[in-house]
PDB file of all heavy atoms in Angstrom:
ATOM      1  N   ASN A   1       0.883  -1.202  -0.022  1.00  0.00           N
ATOM      2  CA  ASN A   1       0.017  -0.025   0.005  1.00  0.00           C
ATOM      3  C   ASN A   1       0.886   1.239   0.011  1.00  0.00           C
ATOM      4  O   ASN A   1       1.784   1.376   0.844  1.00  0.00           O
ATOM      5  CB  ASN A   1      -0.876   0.051   1.231  1.00  0.00           C
ATOM      6  CG  ASN A   1      -1.807  -1.211   1.287  1.00  0.00           C
ATOM      7  OD1 ASN A   1      -2.281  -1.709   0.299  1.00  0.00           O
ATOM      8  ND2 ASN A   1      -2.055  -1.766   2.493  1.00  0.00           N
ATOM      9  N   ILE A   2       0.649   2.167  -0.955  1.00  0.00           N
ATOM     10  CA  ILE A   2       1.410   3.411  -1.044  1.00  0.00           C
ATOM     11  C   ILE A   2       0.570   4.585  -0.849  1.00  0.00           C
ATOM     12  O   ILE A   2      -0.438   4.749  -1.508  1.00  0.00           O
ATOM     13  CB  ILE A   2       2.049   3.366  -2.466  1.00  0.00           C
ATOM     14  CG1 ILE A   2       2.857   2.114  -2.635  1.00  0.00           C
ATOM     15  CG2 ILE A   2       2.957   4.611  -2.674  1.00  0.00           C
ATOM     16  CD1 ILE A   2       3.051   1.693  -4.186  1.00  0.00           C
ATOM     17  N   ASP A   3       0.973   5.486   0.036  1.00  0.00           N
ATOM     18  CA  ASP A   3       0.179   6.653   0.415  1.00  0.00           C
ATOM     19  C   ASP A   3       0.507   7.847  -0.502  1.00  0.00           C
ATOM     20  O   ASP A   3      -0.350   8.503  -1.028  1.00  0.00           O
ATOM     21  CB  ASP A   3       0.534   7.056   1.866  1.00  0.00           C
ATOM     22  CG  ASP A   3      -0.422   7.997   2.436  1.00  0.00           C
ATOM     23  OD1 ASP A   3      -1.328   8.593   1.696  1.00  0.00           O
ATOM     24  OD2 ASP A   3      -0.372   8.341   3.636  1.00  0.00           O
ATOM     25  N   TYR A   4       1.805   8.090  -0.668  1.00  0.00           N
ATOM     26  CA  TYR A   4       2.233   9.182  -1.538  1.00  0.00           C
ATOM     27  C   TYR A   4       3.654   8.947  -1.957  1.00  0.00           C
ATOM     28  O   TYR A   4       4.445   8.154  -1.356  1.00  0.00           O
ATOM     29  CB  TYR A   4       2.097  10.579  -0.844  1.00  0.00           C
ATOM     30  CG  TYR A   4       3.120  10.756   0.271  1.00  0.00           C
ATOM     31  CD1 TYR A   4       4.468  11.112   0.011  1.00  0.00           C
ATOM     32  CD2 TYR A   4       2.727  10.536   1.592  1.00  0.00           C
ATOM     33  CE1 TYR A   4       5.376  11.296   1.036  1.00  0.00           C
ATOM     34  CE2 TYR A   4       3.651  10.654   2.649  1.00  0.00           C
ATOM     35  CZ  TYR A   4       4.971  10.997   2.380  1.00  0.00           C
ATOM     36  OH  TYR A   4       5.838  11.208   3.349  1.00  0.00           O
ATOM     37  N   VAL A   5       4.087   9.656  -3.015  1.00  0.00           N
ATOM     38  CA  VAL A   5       5.477   9.773  -3.396  1.00  0.00           C
ATOM     39  C   VAL A   5       5.742  11.249  -3.777  1.00  0.00           C
ATOM     40  O   VAL A   5       4.896  11.875  -4.294  1.00  0.00           O
ATOM     41  CB  VAL A   5       5.812   8.819  -4.652  1.00  0.00           C
ATOM     42  CG1 VAL A   5       4.909   9.232  -5.824  1.00  0.00           C
ATOM     43  CG2 VAL A   5       7.235   8.875  -5.026  1.00  0.00           C
ATOM     44  N   ALA A   6       6.914  11.631  -3.333  1.00  0.00           N
ATOM     45  CA  ALA A   6       7.258  13.119  -3.577  1.00  0.00           C
ATOM     46  C   ALA A   6       8.735  13.152  -3.952  1.00  0.00           C
ATOM     47  O   ALA A   6       9.627  12.356  -3.494  1.00  0.00           O
ATOM     48  CB  ALA A   6       7.026  13.925  -2.372  1.00  0.00           C
ATOM     49  N   VAL A   7       9.017  14.094  -4.853  1.00  0.00           N
ATOM     50  CA  VAL A   7      10.412  14.370  -5.237  1.00  0.00           C
ATOM     51  C   VAL A   7      10.718  15.938  -4.840  1.00  0.00           C
ATOM     52  O   VAL A   7       9.920  16.737  -5.128  1.00  0.00           O
ATOM     53  CB  VAL A   7      10.658  14.266  -6.743  1.00  0.00           C
ATOM     54  CG1 VAL A   7      12.072  14.637  -7.086  1.00  0.00           C
ATOM     55  CG2 VAL A   7      10.314  12.851  -7.150  1.00  0.00           C
ATOM     56  N   TYR A   8      11.750  16.100  -4.059  1.00  0.00           N
ATOM     57  CA  TYR A   8      12.111  17.430  -3.617  1.00  0.00           C
ATOM     58  C   TYR A   8      13.547  17.787  -4.079  1.00  0.00           C
ATOM     59  O   TYR A   8      14.399  16.887  -4.146  1.00  0.00           O
ATOM     60  CB  TYR A   8      12.209  17.527  -2.019  1.00  0.00           C
ATOM     61  CG  TYR A   8      10.958  17.063  -1.394  1.00  0.00           C
ATOM     62  CD1 TYR A   8      10.852  15.791  -0.796  1.00  0.00           C
ATOM     63  CD2 TYR A   8       9.851  17.859  -1.296  1.00  0.00           C
ATOM     64  CE1 TYR A   8       9.730  15.355  -0.063  1.00  0.00           C
ATOM     65  CE2 TYR A   8       8.671  17.437  -0.674  1.00  0.00           C
ATOM     66  CZ  TYR A   8       8.601  16.178  -0.083  1.00  0.00           C
ATOM     67  OH  TYR A   8       7.486  15.753   0.619  1.00  0.00           O
ATOM     68  N   ASN A   9      13.778  19.008  -4.459  1.00  0.00           N
ATOM     69  CA  ASN A   9      15.044  19.447  -4.920  1.00  0.00           C
ATOM     70  C   ASN A   9      15.575  20.643  -4.120  1.00  0.00           C
ATOM     71  O   ASN A   9      14.768  21.540  -3.780  1.00  0.00           O
ATOM     72  CB  ASN A   9      15.018  19.814  -6.431  1.00  0.00           C
ATOM     73  CG  ASN A   9      15.209  18.579  -7.266  1.00  0.00           C
ATOM     74  OD1 ASN A   9      14.242  17.925  -7.624  1.00  0.00           O
ATOM     75  ND2 ASN A   9      16.445  18.335  -7.618  1.00  0.00           N
ATOM     76  N   LYS A  10      16.824  20.702  -3.946  1.00  0.00           N
ATOM     77  CA  LYS A  10      17.550  21.908  -3.456  1.00  0.00           C
ATOM     78  C   LYS A  10      18.565  22.327  -4.567  1.00  0.00           C
ATOM     79  O   LYS A  10      19.300  21.517  -5.071  1.00  0.00           O
ATOM     80  CB  LYS A  10      18.269  21.548  -2.149  1.00  0.00           C
ATOM     81  CG  LYS A  10      19.026  22.780  -1.494  1.00  0.00           C
ATOM     82  CD  LYS A  10      19.946  22.331  -0.436  1.00  0.00           C
ATOM     83  CE  LYS A  10      19.265  21.620   0.763  1.00  0.00           C
ATOM     84  NZ  LYS A  10      20.269  21.292   1.743  1.00  0.00           N
ATOM     85  N   GLY A  11      18.462  23.589  -4.943  1.00  0.00           N
ATOM     86  CA  GLY A  11      19.338  24.048  -6.032  1.00  0.00           C
ATOM     87  C   GLY A  11      20.717  24.232  -5.646  1.00  0.00           C
ATOM     88  O   GLY A  11      21.067  24.304  -4.569  1.00  0.00           O
ATOM     89  N   PRO A  12      21.643  24.353  -6.692  1.00  0.00           N
ATOM     90  CA  PRO A  12      23.036  24.614  -6.420  1.00  0.00           C
ATOM     91  C   PRO A  12      23.238  25.894  -5.628  1.00  0.00           C
ATOM     92  O   PRO A  12      22.570  26.843  -5.840  1.00  0.00           O
ATOM     93  CB  PRO A  12      23.649  24.757  -7.812  1.00  0.00           C
ATOM     94  CG  PRO A  12      22.705  24.068  -8.736  1.00  0.00           C
ATOM     95  CD  PRO A  12      21.346  24.269  -8.145  1.00  0.00           C
ATOM     96  N   GLY A  13      24.082  25.784  -4.614  1.00  0.00           N
ATOM     97  CA  GLY A  13      24.444  27.015  -3.813  1.00  0.00           C
ATOM     98  C   GLY A  13      23.450  27.240  -2.620  1.00  0.00           C
ATOM     99  O   GLY A  13      23.769  28.062  -1.759  1.00  0.00           O
ATOM    100  N   SER A  14      22.316  26.507  -2.575  1.00  0.00           N
ATOM    101  CA  SER A  14      21.450  26.657  -1.465  1.00  0.00           C
ATOM    102  C   SER A  14      21.871  25.800  -0.292  1.00  0.00           C
ATOM    103  O   SER A  14      22.689  24.869  -0.419  1.00  0.00           O
ATOM    104  CB  SER A  14      20.052  26.267  -1.812  1.00  0.00           C
ATOM    105  OG  SER A  14      20.051  24.897  -2.224  1.00  0.00           O
ATOM    106  N   THR A  15      21.538  26.193   0.872  1.00  0.00           N
ATOM    107  CA  THR A  15      21.952  25.493   2.096  1.00  0.00           C
ATOM    108  C   THR A  15      20.784  25.287   3.007  1.00  0.00           C
ATOM    109  O   THR A  15      19.882  26.018   3.027  1.00  0.00           O
ATOM    110  CB  THR A  15      23.048  26.239   2.933  1.00  0.00           C
ATOM    111  OG1 THR A  15      22.518  27.505   3.228  1.00  0.00           O
ATOM    112  CG2 THR A  15      24.284  26.484   2.039  1.00  0.00           C
ATOM    113  N   THR A  16      20.852  24.228   3.762  1.00  0.00           N
ATOM    114  CA  THR A  16      19.854  23.996   4.772  1.00  0.00           C
ATOM    115  C   THR A  16      20.477  24.397   6.160  1.00  0.00           C
ATOM    116  O   THR A  16      21.558  23.860   6.511  1.00  0.00           O
ATOM    117  CB  THR A  16      19.566  22.488   4.858  1.00  0.00           C
ATOM    118  OG1 THR A  16      18.981  22.139   3.587  1.00  0.00           O
ATOM    119  CG2 THR A  16      18.432  22.192   5.928  1.00  0.00           C
ATOM    120  N   PRO A  17      19.870  25.300   6.900  1.00  0.00           N
ATOM    121  CA  PRO A  17      20.353  25.705   8.148  1.00  0.00           C
ATOM    122  C   PRO A  17      20.569  24.511   9.095  1.00  0.00           C
ATOM    123  O   PRO A  17      19.690  23.623   9.046  1.00  0.00           O
ATOM    124  CB  PRO A  17      19.282  26.664   8.701  1.00  0.00           C
ATOM    125  CG  PRO A  17      18.553  27.123   7.533  1.00  0.00           C
ATOM    126  CD  PRO A  17      18.612  25.958   6.582  1.00  0.00           C
ATOM    127  N   PRO A  18      21.629  24.428   9.823  1.00  0.00           N
ATOM    128  CA  PRO A  18      21.804  23.302  10.742  1.00  0.00           C
ATOM    129  C   PRO A  18      20.709  23.361  11.859  1.00  0.00           C
ATOM    130  O   PRO A  18      20.233  24.434  12.117  1.00  0.00           O
ATOM    131  CB  PRO A  18      23.193  23.521  11.312  1.00  0.00           C
ATOM    132  CG  PRO A  18      23.450  24.997  11.168  1.00  0.00           C
ATOM    133  CD  PRO A  18      22.748  25.361   9.925  1.00  0.00           C
ATOM    134  N   PRO A  19      20.409  22.230  12.472  1.00  0.00           N
ATOM    135  CA  PRO A  19      19.454  22.295  13.582  1.00  0.00           C
ATOM    136  C   PRO A  19      20.062  23.159  14.770  1.00  0.00           C
ATOM    137  O   PRO A  19      21.204  23.285  14.832  1.00  0.00           O
ATOM    138  CB  PRO A  19      19.321  20.792  14.073  1.00  0.00           C
ATOM    139  CG  PRO A  19      20.566  20.189  13.499  1.00  0.00           C
ATOM    140  CD  PRO A  19      20.930  20.862  12.288  1.00  0.00           C
ATOM    141  N   ALA A  20      19.150  23.728  15.539  1.00  0.00           N
ATOM    142  CA  ALA A  20      19.543  24.500  16.636  1.00  0.00           C
ATOM    143  C   ALA A  20      20.570  23.746  17.491  1.00  0.00           C
ATOM    144  O   ALA A  20      20.342  22.583  17.911  1.00  0.00           O
ATOM    145  CB  ALA A  20      18.322  24.903  17.510  1.00  0.00           C
ATOM    146  N   GLY A  21      21.742  24.438  17.665  1.00  0.00           N
ATOM    147  CA  GLY A  21      22.721  23.768  18.461  1.00  0.00           C
ATOM    148  C   GLY A  21      23.777  23.071  17.569  1.00  0.00           C
ATOM    149  O   GLY A  21      24.923  23.021  17.930  1.00  0.00           O
ATOM    150  N   GLY A  22      23.389  22.471  16.508  1.00  0.00           N
ATOM    151  CA  GLY A  22      24.320  21.898  15.486  1.00  0.00           C
ATOM    152  C   GLY A  22      24.933  20.633  16.062  1.00  0.00           C
ATOM    153  O   GLY A  22      24.869  20.286  17.259  1.00  0.00           O
ATOM    154  N   ASN A  23      25.527  19.865  15.117  1.00  0.00           N
ATOM    155  CA  ASN A  23      26.243  18.595  15.572  1.00  0.00           C
ATOM    156  C   ASN A  23      27.659  19.003  15.901  1.00  0.00           C
ATOM    157  O   ASN A  23      28.430  19.372  15.047  1.00  0.00           O
ATOM    158  CB  ASN A  23      26.238  17.675  14.391  1.00  0.00           C
ATOM    159  CG  ASN A  23      26.938  16.319  14.719  1.00  0.00           C
ATOM    160  OD1 ASN A  23      27.476  16.144  15.826  1.00  0.00           O
ATOM    161  ND2 ASN A  23      27.022  15.386  13.708  1.00  0.00           N
ATOM    162  N   LEU A  24      28.012  18.977  17.200  1.00  0.00           N
ATOM    163  CA  LEU A  24      29.259  19.341  17.695  1.00  0.00           C
ATOM    164  C   LEU A  24      30.377  18.352  17.562  1.00  0.00           C
ATOM    165  O   LEU A  24      31.562  18.702  17.609  1.00  0.00           O
ATOM    166  CB  LEU A  24      29.162  19.753  19.219  1.00  0.00           C
ATOM    167  CG  LEU A  24      28.088  20.853  19.514  1.00  0.00           C
ATOM    168  CD1 LEU A  24      27.936  20.887  21.088  1.00  0.00           C
ATOM    169  CD2 LEU A  24      28.368  22.145  18.945  1.00  0.00           C
ATOM    170  N   SER A  25      29.991  17.097  17.301  1.00  0.00           N
ATOM    171  CA  SER A  25      30.989  16.075  17.400  1.00  0.00           C
ATOM    172  C   SER A  25      31.548  15.719  15.972  1.00  0.00           C
ATOM    173  O   SER A  25      32.663  15.078  15.952  1.00  0.00           O
ATOM    174  CB  SER A  25      30.329  14.797  17.889  1.00  0.00           C
ATOM    175  OG  SER A  25      29.238  14.328  17.277  1.00  0.00           O
ATOM    176  N   GLN A  26      30.857  16.018  14.876  1.00  0.00           N
ATOM    177  CA  GLN A  26      31.372  15.544  13.577  1.00  0.00           C
ATOM    178  C   GLN A  26      32.731  16.054  13.290  1.00  0.00           C
ATOM    179  O   GLN A  26      32.986  17.305  13.290  1.00  0.00           O
ATOM    180  CB  GLN A  26      30.373  15.933  12.532  1.00  0.00           C
ATOM    181  CG  GLN A  26      30.759  15.385  11.130  1.00  0.00           C
ATOM    182  CD  GLN A  26      29.652  15.504  10.146  1.00  0.00           C
ATOM    183  OE1 GLN A  26      28.444  15.330  10.473  1.00  0.00           O
ATOM    184  NE2 GLN A  26      29.957  15.744   8.897  1.00  0.00           N
ATOM    185  N   GLY A  27      33.567  15.110  12.956  1.00  0.00           N
ATOM    186  CA  GLY A  27      34.989  15.468  12.559  1.00  0.00           C
ATOM    187  C   GLY A  27      35.943  15.769  13.705  1.00  0.00           C
ATOM    188  O   GLY A  27      37.124  15.980  13.484  1.00  0.00           O
ATOM    189  N   LYS A  28      35.415  15.689  14.923  1.00  0.00           N
ATOM    190  CA  LYS A  28      36.279  15.900  16.093  1.00  0.00           C
ATOM    191  C   LYS A  28      37.080  14.619  16.447  1.00  0.00           C
ATOM    192  O   LYS A  28      36.789  13.541  15.937  1.00  0.00           O
ATOM    193  CB  LYS A  28      35.397  16.428  17.243  1.00  0.00           C
ATOM    194  CG  LYS A  28      34.683  17.697  16.989  1.00  0.00           C
ATOM    195  CD  LYS A  28      35.616  18.876  16.691  1.00  0.00           C
ATOM    196  CE  LYS A  28      34.950  20.091  16.283  1.00  0.00           C
ATOM    197  NZ  LYS A  28      33.880  20.576  17.217  1.00  0.00           N
ATOM    198  N   THR A  29      37.987  14.798  17.389  1.00  0.00           N
ATOM    199  CA  THR A  29      38.779  13.668  17.780  1.00  0.00           C
ATOM    200  C   THR A  29      38.055  12.701  18.724  1.00  0.00           C
ATOM    201  O   THR A  29      37.492  13.122  19.676  1.00  0.00           O
ATOM    202  CB  THR A  29      40.035  14.207  18.522  1.00  0.00           C
ATOM    203  OG1 THR A  29      40.802  15.027  17.698  1.00  0.00           O
ATOM    204  CG2 THR A  29      40.943  13.020  18.944  1.00  0.00           C
ATOM    205  N   ALA A  30      38.005  11.435  18.289  1.00  0.00           N
ATOM    206  CA  ALA A  30      37.359  10.432  19.066  1.00  0.00           C
ATOM    207  C   ALA A  30      38.343   9.343  19.492  1.00  0.00           C
ATOM    208  O   ALA A  30      39.230   8.934  18.754  1.00  0.00           O
ATOM    209  CB  ALA A  30      36.155   9.855  18.265  1.00  0.00           C
ATOM    210  N   THR A  31      38.163   8.851  20.667  1.00  0.00           N
ATOM    211  CA  THR A  31      38.944   7.733  21.194  1.00  0.00           C
ATOM    212  C   THR A  31      38.042   6.694  21.853  1.00  0.00           C
ATOM    213  O   THR A  31      36.921   6.990  22.126  1.00  0.00           O
ATOM    214  CB  THR A  31      39.997   8.176  22.205  1.00  0.00           C
ATOM    215  OG1 THR A  31      39.335   8.930  23.236  1.00  0.00           O
ATOM    216  CG2 THR A  31      41.028   9.104  21.538  1.00  0.00           C
ATOM    217  N   ALA A  32      38.581   5.524  22.074  1.00  0.00           N
ATOM    218  CA  ALA A  32      37.667   4.459  22.613  1.00  0.00           C
ATOM    219  C   ALA A  32      38.552   3.507  23.468  1.00  0.00           C
ATOM    220  O   ALA A  32      39.750   3.434  23.399  1.00  0.00           O
ATOM    221  CB  ALA A  32      37.025   3.658  21.495  1.00  0.00           C
ATOM    222  N   SER A  33      37.852   2.773  24.300  1.00  0.00           N
ATOM    223  CA  SER A  33      38.509   1.857  25.202  1.00  0.00           C
ATOM    224  C   SER A  33      39.172   0.701  24.423  1.00  0.00           C
ATOM    225  O   SER A  33      40.150   0.113  24.824  1.00  0.00           O
ATOM    226  CB  SER A  33      37.467   1.237  26.202  1.00  0.00           C
ATOM    227  OG  SER A  33      36.369   0.688  25.484  1.00  0.00           O
ATOM    228  N   SER A  34      38.544   0.408  23.213  1.00  0.00           N
ATOM    229  CA  SER A  34      39.156  -0.657  22.422  1.00  0.00           C
ATOM    230  C   SER A  34      38.554  -0.624  21.026  1.00  0.00           C
ATOM    231  O   SER A  34      37.512   0.075  20.786  1.00  0.00           O
ATOM    232  CB  SER A  34      38.877  -2.097  23.009  1.00  0.00           C
ATOM    233  OG  SER A  34      37.449  -2.287  22.983  1.00  0.00           O
ATOM    234  N   THR A  35      39.126  -1.254  20.107  1.00  0.00           N
ATOM    235  CA  THR A  35      38.494  -1.480  18.741  1.00  0.00           C
ATOM    236  C   THR A  35      38.578  -2.943  18.415  1.00  0.00           C
ATOM    237  O   THR A  35      39.541  -3.667  18.768  1.00  0.00           O
ATOM    238  CB  THR A  35      39.222  -0.685  17.683  1.00  0.00           C
ATOM    239  OG1 THR A  35      40.550  -0.986  17.641  1.00  0.00           O
ATOM    240  CG2 THR A  35      39.025   0.860  17.908  1.00  0.00           C
ATOM    241  N   GLU A  36      37.604  -3.414  17.679  1.00  0.00           N
ATOM    242  CA  GLU A  36      37.603  -4.825  17.259  1.00  0.00           C
ATOM    243  C   GLU A  36      38.857  -5.050  16.353  1.00  0.00           C
ATOM    244  O   GLU A  36      39.552  -6.078  16.580  1.00  0.00           O
ATOM    245  CB  GLU A  36      36.327  -5.150  16.411  1.00  0.00           C
ATOM    246  CG  GLU A  36      36.289  -6.553  15.919  1.00  0.00           C
ATOM    247  CD  GLU A  36      35.190  -6.700  14.918  1.00  0.00           C
ATOM    248  OE1 GLU A  36      34.299  -5.936  14.834  1.00  0.00           O
ATOM    249  OE2 GLU A  36      35.300  -7.758  14.163  1.00  0.00           O
ATOM    250  N   ASN A  37      39.125  -4.193  15.424  1.00  0.00           N
ATOM    251  CA  ASN A  37      40.337  -4.255  14.604  1.00  0.00           C
ATOM    252  C   ASN A  37      40.505  -2.867  13.933  1.00  0.00           C
ATOM    253  O   ASN A  37      39.686  -1.985  14.120  1.00  0.00           O
ATOM    254  CB  ASN A  37      40.325  -5.407  13.625  1.00  0.00           C
ATOM    255  CG  ASN A  37      39.165  -5.367  12.646  1.00  0.00           C
ATOM    256  OD1 ASN A  37      38.984  -4.330  12.079  1.00  0.00           O
ATOM    257  ND2 ASN A  37      38.390  -6.430  12.512  1.00  0.00           N
ATOM    258  N   GLY A  38      41.563  -2.779  13.082  1.00  0.00           N
ATOM    259  CA  GLY A  38      41.902  -1.467  12.501  1.00  0.00           C
ATOM    260  C   GLY A  38      40.822  -1.005  11.596  1.00  0.00           C
ATOM    261  O   GLY A  38      40.897   0.193  11.169  1.00  0.00           O
ATOM    262  N   SER A  39      39.874  -1.876  11.171  1.00  0.00           N
ATOM    263  CA  SER A  39      38.825  -1.383  10.183  1.00  0.00           C
ATOM    264  C   SER A  39      37.690  -0.574  10.900  1.00  0.00           C
ATOM    265  O   SER A  39      36.836  -0.029  10.303  1.00  0.00           O
ATOM    266  CB  SER A  39      38.212  -2.599   9.484  1.00  0.00           C
ATOM    267  OG  SER A  39      39.158  -3.236   8.685  1.00  0.00           O
ATOM    268  N   PHE A  40      37.673  -0.603  12.218  1.00  0.00           N
ATOM    269  CA  PHE A  40      36.599  -0.105  12.988  1.00  0.00           C
ATOM    270  C   PHE A  40      37.030   0.895  14.048  1.00  0.00           C
ATOM    271  O   PHE A  40      36.653   0.789  15.236  1.00  0.00           O
ATOM    272  CB  PHE A  40      35.683  -1.144  13.642  1.00  0.00           C
ATOM    273  CG  PHE A  40      35.219  -2.172  12.647  1.00  0.00           C
ATOM    274  CD1 PHE A  40      35.822  -3.474  12.624  1.00  0.00           C
ATOM    275  CD2 PHE A  40      34.280  -1.860  11.663  1.00  0.00           C
ATOM    276  CE1 PHE A  40      35.422  -4.424  11.710  1.00  0.00           C
ATOM    277  CE2 PHE A  40      33.867  -2.871  10.758  1.00  0.00           C
ATOM    278  CZ  PHE A  40      34.436  -4.089  10.788  1.00  0.00           C
TER     279      PHE A  40
END
């Protein structure tokens, strides 16, 4: 059962404002107690 389908576009050069507060962690330095292996 299909209710609707929609296609949305954002043009070149347009931007979507980040959510209030923004993502503070992306691209920052992360460390962990362990890793399964070097791939993770």
